[in-house]
PDB file of N, CA and C in Angstrom:
ATOM      1  N   UNK A   1      -3.890   4.650   4.318  1.00  0.00           N
ATOM      2  CA  UNK A   1      -3.771   4.349   2.922  1.00  0.00           C
ATOM      3  C   UNK A   1      -2.611   3.391   2.757  1.00  0.00           C
ATOM      4  N   UNK A   2      -2.853   2.408   1.945  1.00  0.00           N
ATOM      5  CA  UNK A   2      -1.799   1.477   1.575  1.00  0.00           C
ATOM      6  C   UNK A   2      -1.725   1.465   0.053  1.00  0.00           C
ATOM      7  N   UNK A   3      -0.481   1.475  -0.476  1.00  0.00           N
ATOM      8  CA  UNK A   3      -0.313   1.386  -1.920  1.00  0.00           C
ATOM      9  C   UNK A   3       0.764   0.366  -2.250  1.00  0.00           C
ATOM     10  N   UNK A   4       0.658  -0.187  -3.422  1.00  0.00           N
ATOM     11  CA  UNK A   4       1.663  -1.070  -3.992  1.00  0.00           C
ATOM     12  C   UNK A   4       1.855  -0.589  -5.419  1.00  0.00           C
ATOM     13  N   UNK A   5       3.085  -0.219  -5.789  1.00  0.00           N
ATOM     14  CA  UNK A   5       3.320   0.311  -7.129  1.00  0.00           C
ATOM     15  C   UNK A   5       4.106  -0.693  -7.961  1.00  0.00           C
ATOM     16  N   UNK A   6       3.740  -0.754  -9.225  1.00  0.00           N
ATOM     17  CA  UNK A   6       4.405  -1.625 -10.193  1.00  0.00           C
ATOM     18  C   UNK A   6       4.656  -0.833 -11.462  1.00  0.00           C
ATOM     19  N   UNK A   7       5.866  -0.862 -11.952  1.00  0.00           N
ATOM     20  CA  UNK A   7       6.164  -0.256 -13.249  1.00  0.00           C
ATOM     21  C   UNK A   7       6.347  -1.410 -14.214  1.00  0.00           C
ATOM     22  N   UNK A   8       5.544  -1.421 -15.269  1.00  0.00           N
ATOM     23  CA  UNK A   8       5.591  -2.561 -16.177  1.00  0.00           C
ATOM     24  C   UNK A   8       5.548  -2.106 -17.627  1.00  0.00           C
ATOM     25  N   UNK A   9       5.796  -3.050 -18.525  1.00  0.00           N
ATOM     26  CA  UNK A   9       5.752  -2.753 -19.954  1.00  0.00           C
ATOM     27  C   UNK A   9       4.320  -2.435 -20.396  1.00  0.00           C
ATOM     28  N   UNK A  10       3.364  -3.168 -19.816  1.00  0.00           N
ATOM     29  CA  UNK A  10       1.957  -2.920 -20.135  1.00  0.00           C
ATOM     30  C   UNK A  10       1.087  -3.583 -19.086  1.00  0.00           C
ATOM     31  N   UNK A  11      -0.159  -3.175 -19.060  1.00  0.00           N
ATOM     32  CA  UNK A  11      -1.159  -3.851 -18.243  1.00  0.00           C
ATOM     33  C   UNK A  11      -2.426  -3.959 -19.094  1.00  0.00           C
ATOM     34  N   UNK A  12      -3.029  -5.127 -19.059  1.00  0.00           N
ATOM     35  CA  UNK A  12      -4.321  -5.353 -19.708  1.00  0.00           C
ATOM     36  C   UNK A  12      -5.295  -5.731 -18.610  1.00  0.00           C
ATOM     37  N   UNK A  13      -6.479  -5.151 -18.680  1.00  0.00           N
ATOM     38  CA  UNK A  13      -7.494  -5.517 -17.705  1.00  0.00           C
ATOM     39  C   UNK A  13      -8.864  -5.422 -18.342  1.00  0.00           C
ATOM     40  N   UNK A  14      -9.758  -6.201 -17.782  1.00  0.00           N
ATOM     41  CA  UNK A  14     -11.118  -6.270 -18.303  1.00  0.00           C
ATOM     42  C   UNK A  14     -12.063  -6.336 -17.105  1.00  0.00           C
ATOM     43  N   UNK A  15     -12.878  -5.330 -16.962  1.00  0.00           N
ATOM     44  CA  UNK A  15     -13.865  -5.326 -15.877  1.00  0.00           C
ATOM     45  C   UNK A  15     -14.994  -6.274 -16.248  1.00  0.00           C
ATOM     46  N   UNK A  16     -15.253  -7.217 -15.395  1.00  0.00           N
ATOM     47  CA  UNK A  16     -16.309  -8.181 -15.672  1.00  0.00           C
ATOM     48  C   UNK A  16     -17.665  -7.708 -15.173  1.00  0.00           C
ATOM     49  N   UNK A  17     -17.635  -6.936 -14.092  1.00  0.00           N
ATOM     50  CA  UNK A  17     -18.857  -6.355 -13.566  1.00  0.00           C
ATOM     51  C   UNK A  17     -18.476  -5.174 -12.692  1.00  0.00           C
ATOM     52  N   UNK A  18     -19.432  -4.313 -12.417  1.00  0.00           N
ATOM     53  CA  UNK A  18     -19.189  -3.170 -11.547  1.00  0.00           C
ATOM     54  C   UNK A  18     -18.969  -3.652 -10.124  1.00  0.00           C
ATOM     55  N   UNK A  19     -17.951  -3.097  -9.482  1.00  0.00           N
ATOM     56  CA  UNK A  19     -17.722  -3.426  -8.073  1.00  0.00           C
ATOM     57  C   UNK A  19     -18.765  -2.740  -7.194  1.00  0.00           C
ATOM     58  N   UNK A  20     -19.182  -1.538  -7.622  1.00  0.00           N
ATOM     59  CA  UNK A  20     -20.223  -0.783  -6.919  1.00  0.00           C
ATOM     60  C   UNK A  20     -21.287  -0.378  -7.925  1.00  0.00           C
ATOM     61  N   UNK A  21     -22.529  -0.475  -7.559  1.00  0.00           N
ATOM     62  CA  UNK A  21     -23.613  -0.102  -8.469  1.00  0.00           C
ATOM     63  C   UNK A  21     -23.564   1.371  -8.854  1.00  0.00           C
ATOM     64  N   UNK A  22     -23.006   2.205  -7.982  1.00  0.00           N
ATOM     65  CA  UNK A  22     -22.987   3.648  -8.221  1.00  0.00           C
ATOM     66  C   UNK A  22     -21.889   4.086  -9.189  1.00  0.00           C
ATOM     67  N   UNK A  23     -21.016   3.165  -9.617  1.00  0.00           N
ATOM     68  CA  UNK A  23     -19.928   3.547 -10.508  1.00  0.00           C
ATOM     69  C   UNK A  23     -20.453   4.022 -11.853  1.00  0.00           C
ATOM     70  N   UNK A  24     -19.850   5.101 -12.348  1.00  0.00           N
ATOM     71  CA  UNK A  24     -20.180   5.617 -13.662  1.00  0.00           C
ATOM     72  C   UNK A  24     -19.021   5.242 -14.584  1.00  0.00           C
ATOM     73  N   UNK A  25     -19.220   4.226 -15.385  1.00  0.00           N
ATOM     74  CA  UNK A  25     -18.159   3.761 -16.268  1.00  0.00           C
ATOM     75  C   UNK A  25     -18.291   4.410 -17.637  1.00  0.00           C
ATOM     76  N   UNK A  26     -17.186   4.899 -18.177  1.00  0.00           N
ATOM     77  CA  UNK A  26     -17.211   5.507 -19.497  1.00  0.00           C
ATOM     78  C   UNK A  26     -17.101   4.447 -20.588  1.00  0.00           C
ATOM     79  N   UNK A  27     -16.634   3.266 -20.236  1.00  0.00           N
ATOM     80  CA  UNK A  27     -16.541   2.162 -21.184  1.00  0.00           C
ATOM     81  C   UNK A  27     -17.379   1.009 -20.667  1.00  0.00           C
ATOM     82  N   UNK A  28     -17.801   0.170 -21.582  1.00  0.00           N
ATOM     83  CA  UNK A  28     -18.578  -0.998 -21.189  1.00  0.00           C
ATOM     84  C   UNK A  28     -17.722  -1.898 -20.302  1.00  0.00           C
ATOM     85  N   UNK A  29     -18.306  -2.517 -19.304  1.00  0.00           N
ATOM     86  CA  UNK A  29     -17.543  -3.352 -18.396  1.00  0.00           C
ATOM     87  C   UNK A  29     -16.793  -4.508 -19.067  1.00  0.00           C
ATOM     88  N   UNK A  30     -17.248  -4.965 -20.220  1.00  0.00           N
ATOM     89  CA  UNK A  30     -16.610  -6.112 -20.859  1.00  0.00           C
ATOM     90  C   UNK A  30     -15.495  -5.711 -21.825  1.00  0.00           C
ATOM     91  N   UNK A  31     -15.260  -4.441 -22.034  1.00  0.00           N
ATOM     92  CA  UNK A  31     -14.243  -3.990 -22.976  1.00  0.00           C
ATOM     93  C   UNK A  31     -12.851  -4.055 -22.339  1.00  0.00           C
ATOM     94  N   UNK A  32     -11.965  -4.816 -22.984  1.00  0.00           N
ATOM     95  CA  UNK A  32     -10.602  -4.923 -22.466  1.00  0.00           C
ATOM     96  C   UNK A  32      -9.835  -3.636 -22.728  1.00  0.00           C
ATOM     97  N   UNK A  33      -9.017  -3.256 -21.767  1.00  0.00           N
ATOM     98  CA  UNK A  33      -8.205  -2.050 -21.901  1.00  0.00           C
ATOM     99  C   UNK A  33      -6.743  -2.437 -21.757  1.00  0.00           C
ATOM    100  N   UNK A  34      -5.888  -1.740 -22.499  1.00  0.00           N
ATOM    101  CA  UNK A  34      -4.453  -1.950 -22.389  1.00  0.00           C
ATOM    102  C   UNK A  34      -3.782  -0.592 -22.232  1.00  0.00           C
ATOM    103  N   UNK A  35      -2.860  -0.501 -21.293  1.00  0.00           N
ATOM    104  CA  UNK A  35      -2.091   0.715 -21.069  1.00  0.00           C
ATOM    105  C   UNK A  35      -0.625   0.320 -21.176  1.00  0.00           C
ATOM    106  N   UNK A  36       0.098   1.028 -22.027  1.00  0.00           N
ATOM    107  CA  UNK A  36       1.518   0.725 -22.221  1.00  0.00           C
ATOM    108  C   UNK A  36       2.378   1.560 -21.281  1.00  0.00           C
ATOM    109  N   UNK A  37       3.456   0.945 -20.802  1.00  0.00           N
ATOM    110  CA  UNK A  37       4.442   1.567 -19.924  1.00  0.00           C
ATOM    111  C   UNK A  37       3.795   2.288 -18.731  1.00  0.00           C
ATOM    112  N   UNK A  38       2.935   1.594 -17.990  1.00  0.00           N
ATOM    113  CA  UNK A  38       2.264   2.275 -16.878  1.00  0.00           C
ATOM    114  C   UNK A  38       3.001   2.139 -15.549  1.00  0.00           C
ATOM    115  N   UNK A  39       2.726   3.084 -14.691  1.00  0.00           N
ATOM    116  CA  UNK A  39       2.981   2.924 -13.272  1.00  0.00           C
ATOM    117  C   UNK A  39       1.620   2.521 -12.698  1.00  0.00           C
ATOM    118  N   UNK A  40       1.516   1.288 -12.253  1.00  0.00           N
ATOM    119  CA  UNK A  40       0.255   0.789 -11.694  1.00  0.00           C
ATOM    120  C   UNK A  40       0.303   1.023 -10.190  1.00  0.00           C
ATOM    121  N   UNK A  41      -0.699   1.732  -9.687  1.00  0.00           N
ATOM    122  CA  UNK A  41      -0.754   2.053  -8.257  1.00  0.00           C
ATOM    123  C   UNK A  41      -1.967   1.344  -7.661  1.00  0.00           C
ATOM    124  N   UNK A  42      -1.701   0.176  -7.074  1.00  0.00           N
ATOM    125  CA  UNK A  42      -2.766  -0.554  -6.392  1.00  0.00           C
ATOM    126  C   UNK A  42      -2.988   0.157  -5.068  1.00  0.00           C
ATOM    127  N   UNK A  43      -4.234   0.519  -4.798  1.00  0.00           N
ATOM    128  CA  UNK A  43      -4.531   1.421  -3.696  1.00  0.00           C
ATOM    129  C   UNK A  43      -5.666   0.896  -2.822  1.00  0.00           C
ATOM    130  N   UNK A  44      -5.430   0.931  -1.520  1.00  0.00           N
ATOM    131  CA  UNK A  44      -6.474   0.619  -0.547  1.00  0.00           C
ATOM    132  C   UNK A  44      -6.712   1.868   0.297  1.00  0.00           C
ATOM    133  N   UNK A  45      -7.899   2.429   0.197  1.00  0.00           N
ATOM    134  CA  UNK A  45      -8.271   3.599   1.004  1.00  0.00           C
ATOM    135  C   UNK A  45      -8.776   3.066   2.343  1.00  0.00           C
ATOM    136  N   UNK A  46      -8.201   3.627   3.420  1.00  0.00           N
ATOM    137  CA  UNK A  46      -8.511   3.120   4.752  1.00  0.00           C
ATOM    138  C   UNK A  46      -9.354   4.114   5.555  1.00  0.00           C
ATOM    139  N   UNK A  47      -9.951   3.617   6.626  1.00  0.00           N
ATOM    140  CA  UNK A  47     -10.707   4.466   7.543  1.00  0.00           C
ATOM    141  C   UNK A  47      -9.776   5.552   8.058  1.00  0.00           C
ATOM    142  N   UNK A  48     -10.262   6.769   8.100  1.00  0.00           N
ATOM    143  CA  UNK A  48      -9.478   7.876   8.635  1.00  0.00           C
ATOM    144  C   UNK A  48      -8.634   8.598   7.596  1.00  0.00           C
ATOM    145  N   UNK A  49      -8.548   8.086   6.375  1.00  0.00           N
ATOM    146  CA  UNK A  49      -7.799   8.799   5.339  1.00  0.00           C
ATOM    147  C   UNK A  49      -8.486  10.127   5.047  1.00  0.00           C
ATOM    148  N   UNK A  50      -7.692  11.194   4.946  1.00  0.00           N
ATOM    149  CA  UNK A  50      -8.236  12.533   4.747  1.00  0.00           C
ATOM    150  C   UNK A  50      -7.495  13.245   3.616  1.00  0.00           C
ATOM    151  N   UNK A  51      -7.728  14.558   3.492  1.00  0.00           N
ATOM    152  CA  UNK A  51      -7.114  15.333   2.406  1.00  0.00           C
ATOM    153  C   UNK A  51      -5.595  15.354   2.495  1.00  0.00           C
ATOM    154  N   UNK A  52      -5.050  15.324   3.709  1.00  0.00           N
ATOM    155  CA  UNK A  52      -3.590  15.276   3.854  1.00  0.00           C
ATOM    156  C   UNK A  52      -3.036  13.975   3.272  1.00  0.00           C
ATOM    157  N   UNK A  53      -3.728  12.878   3.519  1.00  0.00           N
ATOM    158  CA  UNK A  53      -3.315  11.588   2.966  1.00  0.00           C
ATOM    159  C   UNK A  53      -3.434  11.620   1.446  1.00  0.00           C
ATOM    160  N   UNK A  54      -4.483  12.259   0.944  1.00  0.00           N
ATOM    161  CA  UNK A  54      -4.672  12.388  -0.501  1.00  0.00           C
ATOM    162  C   UNK A  54      -3.504  13.153  -1.127  1.00  0.00           C
ATOM    163  N   UNK A  55      -3.112  14.249  -0.519  1.00  0.00           N
ATOM    164  CA  UNK A  55      -1.992  15.040  -1.036  1.00  0.00           C
ATOM    165  C   UNK A  55      -0.703  14.228  -1.019  1.00  0.00           C
ATOM    166  N   UNK A  56      -0.480  13.467   0.045  1.00  0.00           N
ATOM    167  CA  UNK A  56       0.715  12.624   0.138  1.00  0.00           C
ATOM    168  C   UNK A  56       0.694  11.531  -0.930  1.00  0.00           C
ATOM    169  N   UNK A  57      -0.474  10.962  -1.177  1.00  0.00           N
ATOM    170  CA  UNK A  57      -0.615   9.941  -2.223  1.00  0.00           C
ATOM    171  C   UNK A  57      -0.213  10.506  -3.574  1.00  0.00           C
ATOM    172  N   UNK A  58      -0.771  11.650  -3.923  1.00  0.00           N
ATOM    173  CA  UNK A  58      -0.491  12.265  -5.225  1.00  0.00           C
ATOM    174  C   UNK A  58       0.996  12.614  -5.345  1.00  0.00           C
ATOM    175  N   UNK A  59       1.562  13.152  -4.282  1.00  0.00           N
ATOM    176  CA  UNK A  59       2.992  13.481  -4.300  1.00  0.00           C
ATOM    177  C   UNK A  59       3.838  12.225  -4.499  1.00  0.00           C
ATOM    178  N   UNK A  60       3.509  11.182  -3.772  1.00  0.00           N
ATOM    179  CA  UNK A  60       4.249   9.917  -3.876  1.00  0.00           C
ATOM    180  C   UNK A  60       4.155   9.336  -5.292  1.00  0.00           C
ATOM    181  N   UNK A  61       2.974   9.378  -5.875  1.00  0.00           N
ATOM    182  CA  UNK A  61       2.793   8.867  -7.236  1.00  0.00           C
ATOM    183  C   UNK A  61       3.617   9.694  -8.221  1.00  0.00           C
ATOM    184  N   UNK A  62       3.574  11.006  -8.070  1.00  0.00           N
ATOM    185  CA  UNK A  62       4.374  11.863  -8.966  1.00  0.00           C
ATOM    186  C   UNK A  62       5.864  11.574  -8.819  1.00  0.00           C
ATOM    187  N   UNK A  63       6.328  11.443  -7.584  1.00  0.00           N
ATOM    188  CA  UNK A  63       7.746  11.167  -7.337  1.00  0.00           C
ATOM    189  C   UNK A  63       8.168   9.836  -7.965  1.00  0.00           C
ATOM    190  N   UNK A  64       7.382   8.803  -7.737  1.00  0.00           N
ATOM    191  CA  UNK A  64       7.724   7.485  -8.279  1.00  0.00           C
ATOM    192  C   UNK A  64       7.675   7.503  -9.804  1.00  0.00           C
ATOM    193  N   UNK A  65       6.658   8.150 -10.372  1.00  0.00           N
ATOM    194  CA  UNK A  65       6.550   8.170 -11.841  1.00  0.00           C
ATOM    195  C   UNK A  65       7.736   8.895 -12.478  1.00  0.00           C
ATOM    196  N   UNK A  66       8.271   9.906 -11.803  1.00  0.00           N
ATOM    197  CA  UNK A  66       9.476  10.584 -12.303  1.00  0.00           C
ATOM    198  C   UNK A  66      10.695   9.667 -12.211  1.00  0.00           C
ATOM    199  N   UNK A  67      10.804   8.945 -11.113  1.00  0.00           N
ATOM    200  CA  UNK A  67      11.952   8.055 -10.919  1.00  0.00           C
ATOM    201  C   UNK A  67      12.001   6.945 -11.967  1.00  0.00           C
ATOM    202  N   UNK A  68      10.850   6.388 -12.294  1.00  0.00           N
ATOM    203  CA  UNK A  68      10.817   5.273 -13.248  1.00  0.00           C
ATOM    204  C   UNK A  68      10.512   5.728 -14.674  1.00  0.00           C
ATOM    205  N   UNK A  69      10.320   7.028 -14.843  1.00  0.00           N
ATOM    206  CA  UNK A  69      10.016   7.646 -16.133  1.00  0.00           C
ATOM    207  C   UNK A  69       8.772   7.007 -16.762  1.00  0.00           C
ATOM    208  N   UNK A  70       7.687   7.060 -16.018  1.00  0.00           N
ATOM    209  CA  UNK A  70       6.399   6.542 -16.489  1.00  0.00           C
ATOM    210  C   UNK A  70       5.430   7.705 -16.649  1.00  0.00           C
ATOM    211  N   UNK A  71       4.883   7.841 -17.846  1.00  0.00           N
ATOM    212  CA  UNK A  71       3.922   8.914 -18.088  1.00  0.00           C
ATOM    213  C   UNK A  71       2.482   8.465 -17.872  1.00  0.00           C
ATOM    214  N   UNK A  72       2.249   7.163 -17.977  1.00  0.00           N
ATOM    215  CA  UNK A  72       0.904   6.627 -17.810  1.00  0.00           C
ATOM    216  C   UNK A  72       0.753   6.059 -16.405  1.00  0.00           C
ATOM    217  N   UNK A  73      -0.319   6.447 -15.743  1.00  0.00           N
ATOM    218  CA  UNK A  73      -0.577   5.989 -14.381  1.00  0.00           C
ATOM    219  C   UNK A  73      -1.938   5.294 -14.352  1.00  0.00           C
ATOM    220  N   UNK A  74      -1.964   4.125 -13.753  1.00  0.00           N
ATOM    221  CA  UNK A  74      -3.215   3.394 -13.566  1.00  0.00           C
ATOM    222  C   UNK A  74      -3.485   3.325 -12.069  1.00  0.00           C
ATOM    223  N   UNK A  75      -4.533   3.998 -11.625  1.00  0.00           N
ATOM    224  CA  UNK A  75      -4.980   3.902 -10.229  1.00  0.00           C
ATOM    225  C   UNK A  75      -5.910   2.696 -10.142  1.00  0.00           C
ATOM    226  N   UNK A  76      -5.511   1.722  -9.381  1.00  0.00           N
ATOM    227  CA  UNK A  76      -6.234   0.461  -9.337  1.00  0.00           C
ATOM    228  C   UNK A  76      -6.687   0.191  -7.901  1.00  0.00           C
ATOM    229  N   UNK A  77      -7.986   0.295  -7.640  1.00  0.00           N
ATOM    230  CA  UNK A  77      -8.477   0.010  -6.287  1.00  0.00           C
ATOM    231  C   UNK A  77      -8.178  -1.452  -5.938  1.00  0.00           C
ATOM    232  N   UNK A  78      -7.533  -1.663  -4.816  1.00  0.00           N
ATOM    233  CA  UNK A  78      -7.113  -3.021  -4.452  1.00  0.00           C
ATOM    234  C   UNK A  78      -7.306  -3.219  -2.955  1.00  0.00           C
ATOM    235  N   UNK A  79      -8.467  -3.693  -2.580  1.00  0.00           N
ATOM    236  CA  UNK A  79      -8.850  -3.804  -1.175  1.00  0.00           C
ATOM    237  C   UNK A  79      -8.011  -4.817  -0.395  1.00  0.00           C
ATOM    238  N   UNK A  80      -7.358  -5.726  -1.081  1.00  0.00           N
ATOM    239  CA  UNK A  80      -6.617  -6.783  -0.402  1.00  0.00           C
ATOM    240  C   UNK A  80      -5.377  -6.289   0.342  1.00  0.00           C
ATOM    241  N   UNK A  81      -5.022  -5.014   0.193  1.00  0.00           N
ATOM    242  CA  UNK A  81      -3.841  -4.479   0.860  1.00  0.00           C
ATOM    243  C   UNK A  81      -4.086  -4.107   2.319  1.00  0.00           C
ATOM    244  N   UNK A  82      -5.341  -4.037   2.736  1.00  0.00           N
ATOM    245  CA  UNK A  82      -5.635  -3.553   4.081  1.00  0.00           C
ATOM    246  C   UNK A  82      -6.784  -4.324   4.724  1.00  0.00           C
ATOM    247  N   UNK A  83      -6.725  -4.409   6.035  1.00  0.00           N
ATOM    248  CA  UNK A  83      -7.842  -4.989   6.787  1.00  0.00           C
ATOM    249  C   UNK A  83      -8.635  -3.885   7.493  1.00  0.00           C
ATOM    250  N   UNK A  84      -8.308  -2.614   7.163  1.00  0.00           N
ATOM    251  CA  UNK A  84      -8.954  -1.462   7.790  1.00  0.00           C
ATOM    252  C   UNK A  84      -9.558  -0.561   6.710  1.00  0.00           C
ATOM    253  N   UNK A  85     -10.336  -1.147   5.814  1.00  0.00           N
ATOM    254  CA  UNK A  85     -10.846  -0.415   4.656  1.00  0.00           C
ATOM    255  C   UNK A  85     -11.854   0.663   5.035  1.00  0.00           C
ATOM    256  N   UNK A  86     -11.802   1.753   4.269  1.00  0.00           N
ATOM    257  CA  UNK A  86     -12.775   2.822   4.419  1.00  0.00           C
ATOM    258  C   UNK A  86     -14.062   2.481   3.697  1.00  0.00           C
ATOM    259  N   UNK A  87     -15.013   3.371   3.803  1.00  0.00           N
ATOM    260  CA  UNK A  87     -16.303   3.233   3.129  1.00  0.00           C
ATOM    261  C   UNK A  87     -16.085   3.195   1.616  1.00  0.00           C
ATOM    262  N   UNK A  88     -16.682   2.237   0.879  1.00  0.00           N
ATOM    263  CA  UNK A  88     -16.462   2.122  -0.562  1.00  0.00           C
ATOM    264  C   UNK A  88     -16.806   3.386  -1.347  1.00  0.00           C
ATOM    265  N   UNK A  89     -17.908   4.058  -1.008  1.00  0.00           N
ATOM    266  CA  UNK A  89     -18.284   5.275  -1.728  1.00  0.00           C
ATOM    267  C   UNK A  89     -17.251   6.373  -1.497  1.00  0.00           C
ATOM    268  N   UNK A  90     -16.796   6.518  -0.255  1.00  0.00           N
ATOM    269  CA  UNK A  90     -15.774   7.521   0.048  1.00  0.00           C
ATOM    270  C   UNK A  90     -14.451   7.177  -0.635  1.00  0.00           C
ATOM    271  N   UNK A  91     -14.130   5.900  -0.710  1.00  0.00           N
ATOM    272  CA  UNK A  91     -12.908   5.465  -1.393  1.00  0.00           C
ATOM    273  C   UNK A  91     -12.984   5.805  -2.881  1.00  0.00           C
ATOM    274  N   UNK A  92     -14.152   5.604  -3.472  1.00  0.00           N
ATOM    275  CA  UNK A  92     -14.347   5.952  -4.880  1.00  0.00           C
ATOM    276  C   UNK A  92     -14.127   7.451  -5.087  1.00  0.00           C
ATOM    277  N   UNK A  93     -14.710   8.269  -4.234  1.00  0.00           N
ATOM    278  CA  UNK A  93     -14.541   9.720  -4.337  1.00  0.00           C
ATOM    279  C   UNK A  93     -13.079  10.117  -4.128  1.00  0.00           C
ATOM    280  N   UNK A  94     -12.414   9.460  -3.205  1.00  0.00           N
ATOM    281  CA  UNK A  94     -11.008   9.715  -2.896  1.00  0.00           C
ATOM    282  C   UNK A  94     -10.147   9.463  -4.145  1.00  0.00           C
ATOM    283  N   UNK A  95     -10.366   8.320  -4.789  1.00  0.00           N
ATOM    284  CA  UNK A  95      -9.576   7.981  -5.979  1.00  0.00           C
ATOM    285  C   UNK A  95      -9.921   8.881  -7.167  1.00  0.00           C
ATOM    286  N   UNK A  96     -11.170   9.292  -7.278  1.00  0.00           N
ATOM    287  CA  UNK A  96     -11.538  10.225  -8.343  1.00  0.00           C
ATOM    288  C   UNK A  96     -10.851  11.573  -8.142  1.00  0.00           C
ATOM    289  N   UNK A  97     -10.759  12.023  -6.909  1.00  0.00           N
ATOM    290  CA  UNK A  97     -10.075  13.269  -6.607  1.00  0.00           C
ATOM    291  C   UNK A  97      -8.573  13.139  -6.890  1.00  0.00           C
ATOM    292  N   UNK A  98      -7.992  11.995  -6.540  1.00  0.00           N
ATOM    293  CA  UNK A  98      -6.577  11.747  -6.836  1.00  0.00           C
ATOM    294  C   UNK A  98      -6.343  11.793  -8.342  1.00  0.00           C
ATOM    295  N   UNK A  99      -7.247  11.214  -9.098  1.00  0.00           N
ATOM    296  CA  UNK A  99      -7.131  11.240 -10.564  1.00  0.00           C
ATOM    297  C   UNK A  99      -7.152  12.668 -11.093  1.00  0.00           C
ATOM    298  N   UNK A 100      -8.065  13.484 -10.597  1.00  0.00           N
ATOM    299  CA  UNK A 100      -8.131  14.889 -11.018  1.00  0.00           C
ATOM    300  C   UNK A 100      -6.831  15.629 -10.701  1.00  0.00           C
ATOM    301  N   UNK A 101      -6.316  15.397  -9.509  1.00  0.00           N
ATOM    302  CA  UNK A 101      -5.083  16.077  -9.092  1.00  0.00           C
ATOM    303  C   UNK A 101      -3.901  15.632  -9.955  1.00  0.00           C
ATOM    304  N   UNK A 102      -3.850  14.371 -10.309  1.00  0.00           N
ATOM    305  CA  UNK A 102      -2.755  13.852 -11.122  1.00  0.00           C
ATOM    306  C   UNK A 102      -2.810  14.377 -12.563  1.00  0.00           C
ATOM    307  N   UNK A 103      -4.005  14.670 -13.043  1.00  0.00           N
ATOM    308  CA  UNK A 103      -4.146  15.173 -14.423  1.00  0.00           C
ATOM    309  C   UNK A 103      -3.677  16.612 -14.562  1.00  0.00           C
ATOM    310  N   UNK A 104      -3.578  17.337 -13.453  1.00  0.00           N
ATOM    311  CA  UNK A 104      -3.148  18.734 -13.499  1.00  0.00           C
ATOM    312  C   UNK A 104      -1.669  18.831 -13.794  1.00  0.00           C
TER     313      UNK A 104
END
């Protein structure tokens, strides 16, 4: 797993199309979203990442968000961080599980 974290005043993003056909989007792909005061976690899920890596990811995100006092977290899949990417479907499931764990 590779991550790059950014704490910023805001982030605006607009999905132009689905990266994977299997994605279930709650908002239309063309709707712009803005998140204020986020910790943006650009994430590349790699081959061999497992539940231990998932737990470490969540812990690291929690630790960083406390340090920078950020309540909003944006998990942003960012494949450009690694040349050893995992399966896209498994990466999607991995990030969805991380999101669930972070919401607790």
